Amino acid sequence: MLIEARIKVPTDPGLVPAFWTLGANYSEGSGPTTWPDCGEIDILEVTNANPNRALYHLHRPDAPAPLDQTANQDISLGTGYTTPADLSLAHHTYGIAAYPDRVEFRFDGLTRRIVTKAQYESAGGRWTSVFDLAHYLVLNLGSLHSWVGDPVFTGSRSMLIDWIRVYRIS
């Protein structure tokens, strides 16, 4: 599956524009599947700390092990792509190509990073039954004080979405 969106993001202090997926079996606190069990794919996150860098990650719980004393520890694997210009100055295309054995993170039509099932599992993550299940698409403009500080509303405070496309890859 190929998921893409053309977005112009704000990079004001304290704001975190994001384009991501969340496992469709998620139910906050009381349901059958909580985070990180449901899985999450961050297709895009941008912070004012580095407005030239598009961040992307996979989140899923750790694989069960006999000596594992943690319940559902988040295993996050990802990085980012640094562009020459501030991402708030123009629209860019952010996306993923998701396959059974890998997720390819894309920026402006080019694959910038590939995370394979083998890499994720070697980092301690559980791939099976998460990245092969249905996910919701989420686009939001959040304020994450603990990560980027207090919001300072000086600019447009708008995340402009030109289009979103989802394709089946054969």
N, C-alpha and C. Protein backbone atom coordinates (compact mmCIF):
# COMPACT_ATOMS: atom_id res chain seq x y z
N MET A 1 0.84 -1.17 0.00
CA MET A 1 0.00 0.00 0.00
C MET A 1 0.89 1.23 0.00
N LEU A 2 0.52 2.20 -0.79
CA LEU A 2 1.23 3.48 -0.84
C LEU A 2 0.29 4.54 -0.29
N ILE A 3 0.76 5.26 0.72
CA ILE A 3 -0.01 6.32 1.35
C ILE A 3 0.81 7.59 1.23
N GLU A 4 0.23 8.65 0.66
CA GLU A 4 0.94 9.91 0.50
C GLU A 4 0.01 11.09 0.78
N ALA A 5 0.60 12.18 1.21
CA ALA A 5 -0.13 13.43 1.38
C ALA A 5 0.81 14.58 1.01
N ARG A 6 0.25 15.59 0.40
CA ARG A 6 1.01 16.80 0.08
C ARG A 6 0.61 17.85 1.10
N ILE A 7 1.60 18.25 1.93
CA ILE A 7 1.32 19.06 3.12
C ILE A 7 2.31 20.22 3.21
N LYS A 8 1.81 21.34 3.68
CA LYS A 8 2.66 22.47 4.08
C LYS A 8 2.48 22.60 5.58
N VAL A 9 3.58 22.49 6.32
CA VAL A 9 3.51 22.44 7.78
C VAL A 9 3.96 23.75 8.42
N PRO A 10 3.40 24.09 9.57
CA PRO A 10 3.94 25.21 10.35
C PRO A 10 5.11 24.70 11.18
N THR A 11 6.04 25.56 11.49
CA THR A 11 7.17 25.18 12.34
C THR A 11 7.31 26.13 13.52
N ASP A 12 6.17 26.64 13.99
CA ASP A 12 6.17 27.52 15.16
C ASP A 12 6.65 26.76 16.39
N PRO A 13 7.30 27.44 17.33
CA PRO A 13 7.72 26.78 18.57
C PRO A 13 6.56 26.12 19.29
N GLY A 14 6.78 24.91 19.77
CA GLY A 14 5.80 24.19 20.55
C GLY A 14 4.79 23.40 19.76
N LEU A 15 4.78 23.54 18.43
CA LEU A 15 3.82 22.80 17.61
C LEU A 15 4.50 21.60 16.94
N VAL A 16 3.74 20.52 16.78
CA VAL A 16 4.24 19.33 16.12
C VAL A 16 3.20 18.88 15.09
N PRO A 17 3.34 19.31 13.84
CA PRO A 17 2.45 18.80 12.80
C PRO A 17 2.80 17.34 12.52
N ALA A 18 1.77 16.52 12.30
CA ALA A 18 2.02 15.10 12.12
C ALA A 18 1.04 14.48 11.13
N PHE A 19 1.54 13.48 10.43
CA PHE A 19 0.77 12.64 9.51
C PHE A 19 1.18 11.23 9.87
N TRP A 20 0.22 10.43 10.36
CA TRP A 20 0.59 9.13 10.90
C TRP A 20 -0.57 8.15 10.81
N THR A 21 -0.26 6.89 11.15
CA THR A 21 -1.30 5.87 11.20
C THR A 21 -1.34 5.29 12.60
N LEU A 22 -2.50 4.77 12.96
CA LEU A 22 -2.70 4.10 14.24
C LEU A 22 -3.51 2.85 13.95
N GLY A 23 -3.08 1.72 14.52
CA GLY A 23 -3.78 0.46 14.30
C GLY A 23 -5.27 0.61 14.55
N ALA A 24 -6.08 0.10 13.62
CA ALA A 24 -7.53 0.26 13.70
C ALA A 24 -8.14 -0.48 14.89
N ASN A 25 -7.39 -1.36 15.52
CA ASN A 25 -7.90 -2.09 16.69
C ASN A 25 -7.60 -1.35 17.99
N TYR A 26 -7.13 -0.11 17.91
CA TYR A 26 -6.82 0.69 19.09
C TYR A 26 -8.09 1.06 19.84
N SER A 27 -7.99 0.98 21.14
CA SER A 27 -9.07 1.46 22.00
C SER A 27 -8.44 2.02 23.26
N GLU A 28 -8.54 3.31 23.46
CA GLU A 28 -7.85 4.00 24.54
C GLU A 28 -8.25 3.49 25.92
N GLY A 29 -7.30 2.80 26.55
CA GLY A 29 -7.47 2.40 27.94
C GLY A 29 -8.37 1.23 28.22
N SER A 30 -9.54 1.14 27.62
CA SER A 30 -10.49 0.11 28.03
C SER A 30 -10.74 -0.97 26.99
N GLY A 31 -10.25 -0.80 25.80
CA GLY A 31 -10.58 -1.73 24.73
C GLY A 31 -9.62 -2.90 24.62
N PRO A 32 -9.80 -3.66 23.58
CA PRO A 32 -8.99 -4.86 23.42
C PRO A 32 -7.52 -4.58 23.13
N THR A 33 -7.22 -3.45 22.52
CA THR A 33 -5.84 -3.17 22.14
C THR A 33 -5.48 -1.74 22.49
N THR A 34 -4.44 -1.56 23.26
CA THR A 34 -3.97 -0.23 23.62
C THR A 34 -2.66 0.05 22.91
N TRP A 35 -2.16 1.26 23.08
CA TRP A 35 -0.88 1.65 22.49
C TRP A 35 0.23 1.18 23.41
N PRO A 36 1.32 0.64 22.93
CA PRO A 36 1.73 0.52 21.54
C PRO A 36 1.31 -0.78 20.85
N ASP A 37 0.50 -1.61 21.52
CA ASP A 37 0.11 -2.90 20.92
C ASP A 37 -0.53 -2.76 19.54
N CYS A 38 -1.26 -1.68 19.31
CA CYS A 38 -1.98 -1.51 18.06
C CYS A 38 -1.06 -1.14 16.90
N GLY A 39 0.12 -0.62 17.21
CA GLY A 39 1.06 -0.19 16.18
C GLY A 39 0.82 1.24 15.73
N GLU A 40 1.89 1.89 15.36
CA GLU A 40 1.82 3.29 14.88
C GLU A 40 2.93 3.49 13.87
N ILE A 41 2.62 4.17 12.79
CA ILE A 41 3.62 4.56 11.80
C ILE A 41 3.58 6.07 11.68
N ASP A 42 4.65 6.72 12.09
CA ASP A 42 4.77 8.17 11.93
C ASP A 42 5.33 8.43 10.54
N ILE A 43 4.48 8.90 9.64
CA ILE A 43 4.89 9.21 8.28
C ILE A 43 5.61 10.56 8.27
N LEU A 44 5.18 11.45 9.15
CA LEU A 44 5.78 12.78 9.25
C LEU A 44 5.54 13.36 10.63
N GLU A 45 6.58 13.88 11.22
CA GLU A 45 6.51 14.78 12.37
C GLU A 45 7.58 15.83 12.15
N VAL A 46 7.26 17.07 12.47
CA VAL A 46 8.23 18.16 12.32
C VAL A 46 8.21 18.97 13.61
N THR A 47 9.38 19.37 14.08
CA THR A 47 9.45 20.22 15.27
C THR A 47 10.20 21.50 14.93
N ASN A 48 9.97 22.52 15.74
CA ASN A 48 10.69 23.78 15.54
C ASN A 48 12.17 23.63 15.86
N ALA A 49 12.55 22.58 16.58
CA ALA A 49 13.96 22.37 16.89
C ALA A 49 14.78 22.16 15.62
N ASN A 50 14.16 21.56 14.61
CA ASN A 50 14.81 21.40 13.32
C ASN A 50 13.74 21.46 12.23
N PRO A 51 13.36 22.66 11.79
CA PRO A 51 12.28 22.81 10.82
C PRO A 51 12.63 22.31 9.42
N ASN A 52 13.86 21.86 9.21
CA ASN A 52 14.29 21.31 7.92
C ASN A 52 14.25 19.78 7.93
N ARG A 53 13.79 19.18 9.03
CA ARG A 53 13.88 17.73 9.16
C ARG A 53 12.51 17.09 9.33
N ALA A 54 12.17 16.19 8.41
CA ALA A 54 10.95 15.39 8.49
C ALA A 54 11.30 14.12 9.25
N LEU A 55 10.62 13.88 10.37
CA LEU A 55 10.88 12.70 11.20
C LEU A 55 9.89 11.60 10.89
N TYR A 56 10.35 10.33 10.96
CA TYR A 56 9.45 9.21 10.77
C TYR A 56 9.90 8.03 11.62
N HIS A 57 8.91 7.26 12.11
CA HIS A 57 9.18 6.15 13.03
C HIS A 57 8.12 5.06 12.92
N LEU A 58 8.50 3.87 13.32
CA LEU A 58 7.56 2.78 13.57
C LEU A 58 7.50 2.59 15.07
N HIS A 59 6.31 2.37 15.61
CA HIS A 59 6.13 2.08 17.03
C HIS A 59 5.33 0.79 17.15
N ARG A 60 5.79 -0.08 18.02
CA ARG A 60 5.12 -1.35 18.28
C ARG A 60 5.72 -1.90 19.57
N PRO A 61 5.01 -2.77 20.27
CA PRO A 61 5.57 -3.30 21.51
C PRO A 61 6.73 -4.26 21.26
N ASP A 62 7.47 -4.48 22.33
CA ASP A 62 8.58 -5.42 22.25
C ASP A 62 8.05 -6.85 22.10
N ALA A 63 8.90 -7.70 21.57
CA ALA A 63 8.55 -9.11 21.42
C ALA A 63 8.56 -9.77 22.79
N PRO A 64 7.63 -10.67 23.04
CA PRO A 64 7.61 -11.34 24.34
C PRO A 64 8.85 -12.20 24.54
N ALA A 65 9.37 -12.17 25.73
CA ALA A 65 10.55 -12.97 26.07
C ALA A 65 10.39 -13.46 27.50
N PRO A 66 10.96 -14.62 27.84
CA PRO A 66 10.77 -15.18 29.18
C PRO A 66 11.21 -14.26 30.32
N LEU A 67 12.25 -13.47 30.12
CA LEU A 67 12.76 -12.62 31.20
C LEU A 67 12.27 -11.18 31.08
N ASP A 68 11.39 -10.93 30.14
CA ASP A 68 10.88 -9.57 29.92
C ASP A 68 9.93 -9.20 31.06
N GLN A 69 10.31 -8.21 31.85
CA GLN A 69 9.49 -7.76 32.98
C GLN A 69 8.69 -6.50 32.66
N THR A 70 8.75 -6.05 31.42
CA THR A 70 8.00 -4.85 31.03
C THR A 70 6.78 -5.25 30.22
N ALA A 71 5.70 -4.58 30.47
CA ALA A 71 4.49 -4.83 29.70
C ALA A 71 4.44 -3.88 28.52
N ASN A 72 4.48 -4.43 27.34
CA ASN A 72 4.28 -3.64 26.14
C ASN A 72 5.21 -2.44 26.00
N GLN A 73 6.48 -2.65 26.17
CA GLN A 73 7.45 -1.57 25.99
C GLN A 73 7.47 -1.15 24.53
N ASP A 74 7.42 0.16 24.28
CA ASP A 74 7.45 0.69 22.93
C ASP A 74 8.83 0.49 22.31
N ILE A 75 8.86 -0.12 21.14
CA ILE A 75 10.09 -0.21 20.36
C ILE A 75 9.90 0.75 19.19
N SER A 76 10.66 1.81 19.18
CA SER A 76 10.57 2.83 18.14
C SER A 76 11.80 2.74 17.26
N LEU A 77 11.58 2.66 15.98
CA LEU A 77 12.70 2.59 15.05
C LEU A 77 12.42 3.57 13.92
N GLY A 78 13.33 4.48 13.70
CA GLY A 78 13.15 5.46 12.65
C GLY A 78 14.25 6.49 12.68
N THR A 79 14.08 7.52 11.91
CA THR A 79 15.05 8.59 11.81
C THR A 79 14.35 9.77 11.16
N GLY A 80 15.02 10.44 10.27
CA GLY A 80 14.43 11.56 9.58
C GLY A 80 15.19 11.88 8.32
N TYR A 81 14.66 12.83 7.59
CA TYR A 81 15.31 13.30 6.38
C TYR A 81 15.44 14.81 6.46
N THR A 82 16.65 15.32 6.29
CA THR A 82 16.91 16.75 6.37
C THR A 82 16.91 17.35 4.97
N THR A 83 16.13 18.41 4.81
CA THR A 83 16.01 19.10 3.53
C THR A 83 16.83 20.38 3.56
N PRO A 84 17.12 20.96 2.41
CA PRO A 84 17.86 22.21 2.39
C PRO A 84 17.08 23.41 2.93
N ALA A 85 15.74 23.35 2.88
CA ALA A 85 14.93 24.51 3.26
C ALA A 85 13.94 24.15 4.36
N ASP A 86 13.51 25.16 5.08
CA ASP A 86 12.47 25.04 6.10
C ASP A 86 11.22 24.43 5.47
N LEU A 87 10.69 23.38 6.07
CA LEU A 87 9.54 22.66 5.51
C LEU A 87 8.27 23.50 5.50
N SER A 88 8.23 24.59 6.25
CA SER A 88 7.03 25.43 6.29
C SER A 88 6.94 26.38 5.09
N LEU A 89 7.97 26.44 4.27
CA LEU A 89 7.99 27.40 3.17
C LEU A 89 7.26 26.93 1.92
N ALA A 90 6.99 25.61 1.82
CA ALA A 90 6.32 25.08 0.63
C ALA A 90 5.64 23.75 0.96
N HIS A 91 4.75 23.33 0.07
CA HIS A 91 4.15 22.00 0.19
C HIS A 91 5.20 20.95 -0.18
N HIS A 92 5.15 19.82 0.52
CA HIS A 92 5.99 18.66 0.20
C HIS A 92 5.12 17.42 0.28
N THR A 93 5.55 16.37 -0.41
CA THR A 93 4.83 15.10 -0.39
C THR A 93 5.52 14.15 0.58
N TYR A 94 4.76 13.65 1.55
CA TYR A 94 5.24 12.72 2.57
C TYR A 94 4.47 11.42 2.39
N GLY A 95 5.15 10.30 2.56
CA GLY A 95 4.43 9.06 2.38
C GLY A 95 5.19 7.83 2.83
N ILE A 96 4.48 6.71 2.75
CA ILE A 96 5.08 5.40 2.99
C ILE A 96 4.59 4.44 1.91
N ALA A 97 5.46 3.49 1.60
CA ALA A 97 5.07 2.32 0.83
C ALA A 97 5.22 1.16 1.80
N ALA A 98 4.10 0.51 2.11
CA ALA A 98 4.09 -0.56 3.12
C ALA A 98 3.97 -1.92 2.43
N TYR A 99 4.90 -2.79 2.73
CA TYR A 99 4.95 -4.15 2.21
C TYR A 99 4.95 -5.12 3.40
N PRO A 100 4.69 -6.39 3.17
CA PRO A 100 4.69 -7.35 4.29
C PRO A 100 6.03 -7.41 5.05
N ASP A 101 7.14 -7.11 4.36
CA ASP A 101 8.46 -7.26 5.00
C ASP A 101 9.21 -5.95 5.20
N ARG A 102 8.58 -4.81 4.88
CA ARG A 102 9.29 -3.53 5.02
C ARG A 102 8.33 -2.36 4.90
N VAL A 103 8.77 -1.21 5.41
CA VAL A 103 8.07 0.05 5.22
C VAL A 103 9.10 1.03 4.65
N GLU A 104 8.76 1.62 3.51
CA GLU A 104 9.64 2.60 2.86
C GLU A 104 9.09 3.99 3.13
N PHE A 105 9.89 4.84 3.74
CA PHE A 105 9.49 6.22 4.03
C PHE A 105 9.90 7.10 2.86
N ARG A 106 8.95 7.90 2.38
CA ARG A 106 9.16 8.69 1.17
C ARG A 106 9.02 10.18 1.44
N PHE A 107 9.82 10.96 0.72
CA PHE A 107 9.75 12.42 0.79
C PHE A 107 9.86 12.94 -0.63
N ASP A 108 8.88 13.72 -1.05
CA ASP A 108 8.84 14.29 -2.41
C ASP A 108 9.10 13.23 -3.49
N GLY A 109 8.44 12.08 -3.33
CA GLY A 109 8.48 11.04 -4.35
C GLY A 109 9.66 10.09 -4.32
N LEU A 110 10.60 10.33 -3.42
CA LEU A 110 11.79 9.46 -3.34
C LEU A 110 11.83 8.73 -2.01
N THR A 111 12.24 7.47 -2.04
CA THR A 111 12.40 6.70 -0.82
C THR A 111 13.64 7.21 -0.09
N ARG A 112 13.46 7.62 1.17
CA ARG A 112 14.56 8.18 1.97
C ARG A 112 15.05 7.23 3.05
N ARG A 113 14.21 6.26 3.45
CA ARG A 113 14.62 5.31 4.48
C ARG A 113 13.74 4.07 4.36
N ILE A 114 14.33 2.92 4.55
CA ILE A 114 13.59 1.66 4.56
C ILE A 114 13.82 1.00 5.91
N VAL A 115 12.74 0.58 6.56
CA VAL A 115 12.83 -0.21 7.78
C VAL A 115 12.26 -1.58 7.44
N THR A 116 13.08 -2.61 7.58
CA THR A 116 12.63 -3.96 7.25
C THR A 116 12.11 -4.67 8.50
N LYS A 117 11.35 -5.71 8.25
CA LYS A 117 10.85 -6.56 9.34
C LYS A 117 12.03 -7.12 10.14
N ALA A 118 13.07 -7.55 9.44
CA ALA A 118 14.25 -8.11 10.12
C ALA A 118 14.93 -7.07 11.01
N GLN A 119 15.07 -5.84 10.53
CA GLN A 119 15.68 -4.77 11.33
C GLN A 119 14.85 -4.49 12.57
N TYR A 120 13.53 -4.41 12.38
CA TYR A 120 12.65 -4.08 13.49
C TYR A 120 12.67 -5.19 14.54
N GLU A 121 12.62 -6.41 14.09
CA GLU A 121 12.65 -7.53 15.04
C GLU A 121 14.01 -7.66 15.72
N SER A 122 15.10 -7.33 15.03
CA SER A 122 16.41 -7.38 15.68
C SER A 122 16.57 -6.28 16.72
N ALA A 123 15.76 -5.21 16.61
CA ALA A 123 15.77 -4.14 17.63
C ALA A 123 14.87 -4.51 18.82
N GLY A 124 14.22 -5.67 18.75
CA GLY A 124 13.38 -6.13 19.85
C GLY A 124 11.90 -5.95 19.62
N GLY A 125 11.51 -5.45 18.46
CA GLY A 125 10.11 -5.19 18.18
C GLY A 125 9.37 -6.40 17.64
N ARG A 126 8.06 -6.36 17.76
CA ARG A 126 7.18 -7.41 17.26
C ARG A 126 6.47 -6.88 16.02
N TRP A 127 6.81 -7.39 14.85
CA TRP A 127 6.25 -6.93 13.58
C TRP A 127 4.92 -7.60 13.27
N THR A 128 4.86 -8.90 13.46
CA THR A 128 3.69 -9.69 13.08
C THR A 128 2.43 -9.20 13.76
N SER A 129 1.38 -9.17 13.00
CA SER A 129 0.03 -8.81 13.43
C SER A 129 -0.13 -7.33 13.78
N VAL A 130 0.80 -6.51 13.39
CA VAL A 130 0.61 -5.07 13.56
C VAL A 130 0.66 -4.37 12.23
N PHE A 131 1.77 -4.46 11.54
CA PHE A 131 1.92 -3.72 10.31
C PHE A 131 1.24 -4.42 9.14
N ASP A 132 0.60 -5.57 9.41
CA ASP A 132 -0.18 -6.23 8.38
C ASP A 132 -1.68 -6.11 8.65
N LEU A 133 -2.07 -5.31 9.64
CA LEU A 133 -3.48 -5.07 9.95
C LEU A 133 -3.90 -3.68 9.48
N ALA A 134 -5.20 -3.44 9.49
CA ALA A 134 -5.74 -2.14 9.08
C ALA A 134 -5.29 -1.03 10.04
N HIS A 135 -5.07 0.16 9.49
CA HIS A 135 -4.68 1.34 10.27
C HIS A 135 -5.57 2.51 9.90
N TYR A 136 -5.79 3.40 10.87
CA TYR A 136 -6.42 4.68 10.61
C TYR A 136 -5.36 5.66 10.14
N LEU A 137 -5.74 6.58 9.26
CA LEU A 137 -4.87 7.69 8.92
C LEU A 137 -5.20 8.85 9.85
N VAL A 138 -4.17 9.51 10.37
CA VAL A 138 -4.37 10.63 11.28
C VAL A 138 -3.51 11.79 10.80
N LEU A 139 -4.11 12.96 10.70
CA LEU A 139 -3.37 14.19 10.43
C LEU A 139 -3.72 15.14 11.55
N ASN A 140 -2.72 15.67 12.23
CA ASN A 140 -3.02 16.59 13.32
C ASN A 140 -1.90 17.59 13.53
N LEU A 141 -2.27 18.66 14.17
CA LEU A 141 -1.33 19.70 14.57
C LEU A 141 -1.37 19.73 16.08
N GLY A 142 -0.39 19.11 16.71
CA GLY A 142 -0.39 18.99 18.17
C GLY A 142 0.57 19.96 18.82
N SER A 143 0.42 20.05 20.12
CA SER A 143 1.32 20.84 20.96
C SER A 143 1.85 19.89 22.02
N LEU A 144 3.08 19.50 21.89
CA LEU A 144 3.67 18.50 22.78
C LEU A 144 4.70 19.16 23.67
N HIS A 145 4.23 19.80 24.73
CA HIS A 145 5.09 20.57 25.63
C HIS A 145 6.32 19.79 26.10
N SER A 146 6.13 18.55 26.51
CA SER A 146 7.25 17.79 27.06
C SER A 146 8.32 17.52 26.02
N TRP A 147 8.00 17.60 24.76
CA TRP A 147 8.97 17.32 23.70
C TRP A 147 9.57 18.59 23.11
N VAL A 148 8.72 19.60 22.86
CA VAL A 148 9.19 20.78 22.12
C VAL A 148 8.99 22.10 22.86
N GLY A 149 8.50 22.05 24.08
CA GLY A 149 8.29 23.27 24.86
C GLY A 149 6.90 23.86 24.66
N ASP A 150 6.68 24.98 25.32
CA ASP A 150 5.38 25.65 25.23
C ASP A 150 5.16 26.22 23.84
N PRO A 151 3.91 26.17 23.35
CA PRO A 151 3.64 26.77 22.05
C PRO A 151 3.74 28.29 22.09
N VAL A 152 4.27 28.85 21.03
CA VAL A 152 4.34 30.29 20.85
C VAL A 152 3.65 30.57 19.53
N PHE A 153 2.47 31.15 19.59
CA PHE A 153 1.66 31.32 18.40
C PHE A 153 2.02 32.62 17.69
N THR A 154 2.99 32.53 16.80
CA THR A 154 3.44 33.71 16.07
C THR A 154 3.12 33.64 14.59
N GLY A 155 3.00 32.45 14.04
CA GLY A 155 2.77 32.29 12.60
C GLY A 155 1.34 31.91 12.29
N SER A 156 1.19 31.16 11.23
CA SER A 156 -0.14 30.82 10.74
C SER A 156 -0.85 29.76 11.58
N ARG A 157 -0.12 28.91 12.23
CA ARG A 157 -0.65 27.81 13.03
C ARG A 157 -1.59 26.93 12.20
N SER A 158 -1.32 26.82 10.93
CA SER A 158 -2.15 26.00 10.05
C SER A 158 -1.29 24.95 9.36
N MET A 159 -1.82 23.74 9.30
CA MET A 159 -1.20 22.69 8.51
C MET A 159 -2.08 22.58 7.27
N LEU A 160 -1.52 22.93 6.12
CA LEU A 160 -2.29 22.98 4.87
C LEU A 160 -2.12 21.66 4.11
N ILE A 161 -3.23 20.97 3.88
CA ILE A 161 -3.20 19.67 3.22
C ILE A 161 -3.79 19.83 1.83
N ASP A 162 -2.96 19.63 0.82
CA ASP A 162 -3.38 19.77 -0.56
C ASP A 162 -4.17 18.53 -0.99
N TRP A 163 -3.64 17.35 -0.70
CA TRP A 163 -4.32 16.09 -1.02
C TRP A 163 -3.75 14.94 -0.21
N ILE A 164 -4.54 13.86 -0.14
CA ILE A 164 -4.13 12.59 0.48
C ILE A 164 -4.50 11.50 -0.52
N ARG A 165 -3.58 10.57 -0.72
CA ARG A 165 -3.84 9.47 -1.66
C ARG A 165 -3.42 8.15 -1.04
N VAL A 166 -4.22 7.13 -1.30
CA VAL A 166 -3.91 5.78 -0.86
C VAL A 166 -4.04 4.87 -2.07
N TYR A 167 -2.98 4.10 -2.34
CA TYR A 167 -2.94 3.20 -3.49
C TYR A 167 -2.63 1.79 -3.02
N ARG A 168 -3.15 0.83 -3.73
CA ARG A 168 -2.77 -0.56 -3.50
C ARG A 168 -1.56 -0.84 -4.38
N ILE A 169 -0.52 -1.41 -3.80
CA ILE A 169 0.67 -1.79 -4.55
C ILE A 169 0.54 -3.27 -4.89
N SER A 170 0.68 -3.61 -6.18
CA SER A 170 0.57 -5.03 -6.52
C SER A 170 1.92 -5.69 -6.59
